[in-house]
């Protein structure tokens, strides 16, 4: 019976082939060309910052991985296809005239090289592209060392788990992929060419097909046996409900099961190899059934039985060994050892005498440095009052740092006045203005954190604002800045700047209202040549770069200007803190960014979600990825020069094994700690994200006994932020209270230091359990102090949520809040600070008011203070302390540079002065004075209700004049006392502590 000849693919004309080749070349150019363009632009940038070695090391490692894994997977597939094709049956019976496989066979035979080479190449390209992103594991394998610490189960150095085991598991996964691809390639080829036929009872399998598939499957099972061996070590990373690490079941059931399954898998692999040569499929079939059955019985059922009937009834004792190992490993991996954490009991006294408070004030600087300015609220105030031009701006969240001025060290709210091109108007926002004129910010702005200004009687300024200390091009402030121009900052995200451009020889860059500037620093990539103009015009798809005549000799282009992004690029192995901050160091404005070395798998250490642990109610910071870590160190401090973009990495933990490994990968990129200047070190802060992770773990791992740990009865909680309103807090799912930087003197310290602090509650309770702080002072940087408070009985101390509730339900606060919260003005609660004072805890919270319009900015109106069950509510912290501890408690001698707190420009006076006129002519004048006082008070109340700040200023001036008139009239009438000033009508006679 004659068979129909196979039908091949249609022939293409020469013109069609040329067009297809051109189309393919264009597609390849688009795909590869853009990648090459980006690579060249990145290479230029790394050359600018002096980290070319990082670029080349990463690039060559990626290339090597791409070809190695591509060759492994593609080569295995090519060999498998070649063997299957060479051993195909000589005669392939056709089932019918319309057999669909005949057409495919014919096509492949006609283009056997295309398929035999093309498919492996495509598969190799896919595999190589996927594998090249894992370059870090290869470099850590080559450069990792020992930790000097052994795991408690296998007694192997932690360096094996940190550097070697990740590579082994990575390699095993790619071996699985390689063997699987080779198996399916052989399977499809044998099927197409008749080595496998499904027709007939049970189908047919040719001997060559049986041999190749059996051997390939045997190799797969053999890799599986190797995987079982190394999975034993991964048991030490297991995460359970209460702790991480190998639990009782893992150690006594799963671990032996892994060894048993390893030997069974090895036996099954031998069975597959034997089946290939003995022409017997029963052995591989039996081996497969045995492998599956043993996996179910030994690998799953037996551990489940042990867990259910042996562990569950005695879990507290069975798991005690594993929990103890977990406690010790977690403390070591997260830097919470006895050396770094000092815990002491703290009474949390709720009642102290004014004398003791005054004694505390004279011996400690905690109260005098109470921070009234909230950096999370005051960005609009900085922008409106110190932003100057519309194209300047400040980040959403300001920062806290400390400076010594005139011999006095205190904390400041600081910010760099950056360029903000998004603030340009429509007519200002052309390409030249956006990229060549408005290129840089101007100045460093600081405000003492414990100081606000007073009401100015000769203007409409009602007070309640920061006292700004500005260092810019036109103002030489007390914080000396030699170069106030800011080209690199947090607001410079995707916007590039071309500097050094000229218009008829005149510099283009806006500098001040009367002058322009031509950049002369080291930052930026030259763009004055035609080739680089072409490159960047293509990269940014902006033809103006190519044709602009103002880009002359010496012009440069600045990109990747965000400090955090710059550090991330030169140190891709670091996890960066979410909150860079500016500091003036030796006259330069530097951005300081904290860098962490992390590991995902540290034996028995608690596995922590970095994103969840560091997320709280704070806005304006970069959120961490929600990835799992079990080891973290703040090993690197990075700086970025705000003027020229210079990036420097400094080691501050020279004994970190992970840092040492990366220094081996990128030698010379991290400077030793000896290179850190004293001025720079004095501005180092203990990083926020690290502190958040550590306080989360301290809430559990302050417990050292395994049985007590299992009961969880003494665990703590990070409290929810009580200053968030109900709707906001619900939207944030009860967001945690963020930690706060303060200048305070913790118990055991001899002086006030800059530190980060947080309160912790008892587990699922509102009462305070502990207070945690970490010093940023160079003398004891990183020292963690834990004050452990009574957690039962009458000695319990109210936590932040309870204190906030007390604040809001105090009659005077509730009454004034109603007055604040009118249709045009809304109150905002600032950060609730918890400070150890006189054996107890002092809670301080500022209240701001803000108009309800687009250009509104907050103004401090009141200060809340709580100690024990007493609440102070006053315009100044001095007065609030007096209300809590008694008259005269808040009187502290003025300090240099401080100005008085403002009057209350928002709360209505509580009393109206009345008097009985003395006989004589003074009576009518006194009556007129009282009437003037009443009229001024009425005017002030109406202005407050309307939210009209201009009218409030006028009313305060009227009130002051009426008070003077009252004094004069009463003196004439024979009275000796002055008229009572209404609350907030005049400045406080002495500055508040920090106010």
Foldseek 3Di string as FASTA:
>chain_A
DDADAADEDDDDDPVVVVVVVVVVVVVCCVVVVLVVLVLVVVCLQCVLQVLNVLSVLLVVLLVVLLQVLLCLQLVLQLVLLVLLVVPFDPDADAPDNVRVLNNVVVHCVVVVVCCSNVVSNVSSNVRSVVGSVVSVLVLLLVQFDFQPDAAPPPRDTLSCVFRPLVVVVVVLVSVLVRLVSSLVSSVVSNDSRVQWAPPDDPTHHHLSSLLSNLLSVLVNLLSVLVVLVSVLVVQLQDDDPQFGGNFLLSVPQQNVLSNVLSVLSNVLSVQSNVCSVVVDCVSNVVSVVVSVVSCCVRNPVVSVCCCPPPCVVPVLVRGQVLLLSLLVLQCVQLVNDPVQEDEDAFLFDQDDFLVQLLVLVVQALAFLQDFADFQQAFQLVCCVPPLPDQQWGWFNGWDKWWDAFPNDIHIKGKTATWGALVSDDPVQNDPCNQAFAAQWGWWMKIFRRLFWFAQDLVDLRQIQHTDIFIPTPVHQGRQAAPHGIFRFEQNQAFGKHKFQFDDVNAGRYDGDPPHHDGADDSAFRQLQDQVSLVSVCVSVVPCCSNVPPRSHPPIGMHGPRYLVSVVCSSCVQWDKFFDWHWDQFPNFIKTKIFTKHFGQDRRSAGKDQLQVLQWFLRPRTDGGHRHITRHMDRQWIWIATRRRGHIAIEGPCVSDSRVSSVCVSSPPRYHYNVPDDPRNLSGDADGQSSVSNVVQCCQQSVDNRSSCSVVLQFGWAQAFQQQDDDVSCVVVVRGGAGWDWTQTADPPRSYTFTKTKGWIGGVVDQWTAWIWIAGSGPVRHSRIYIHGYDDDDPSIHGHPNVVSVLQCPDVVNVVLQVLQPAPFKHKGKRHWDWGDTSSHIKTKIWIWMWTPDDSIGTGTAWMWIRRNNFIAIAQFVLRRVCRRNNPPSQDDADDPPHHAGYFHLAGQFDDQDDDDFAPDDLRVLLVVLSVQLVVLSVQSSVCNNVVPSSSSSVSLSSNVVSQVSNQVSCVVRVDDDGTDRGGRSGTDPHHGSSD
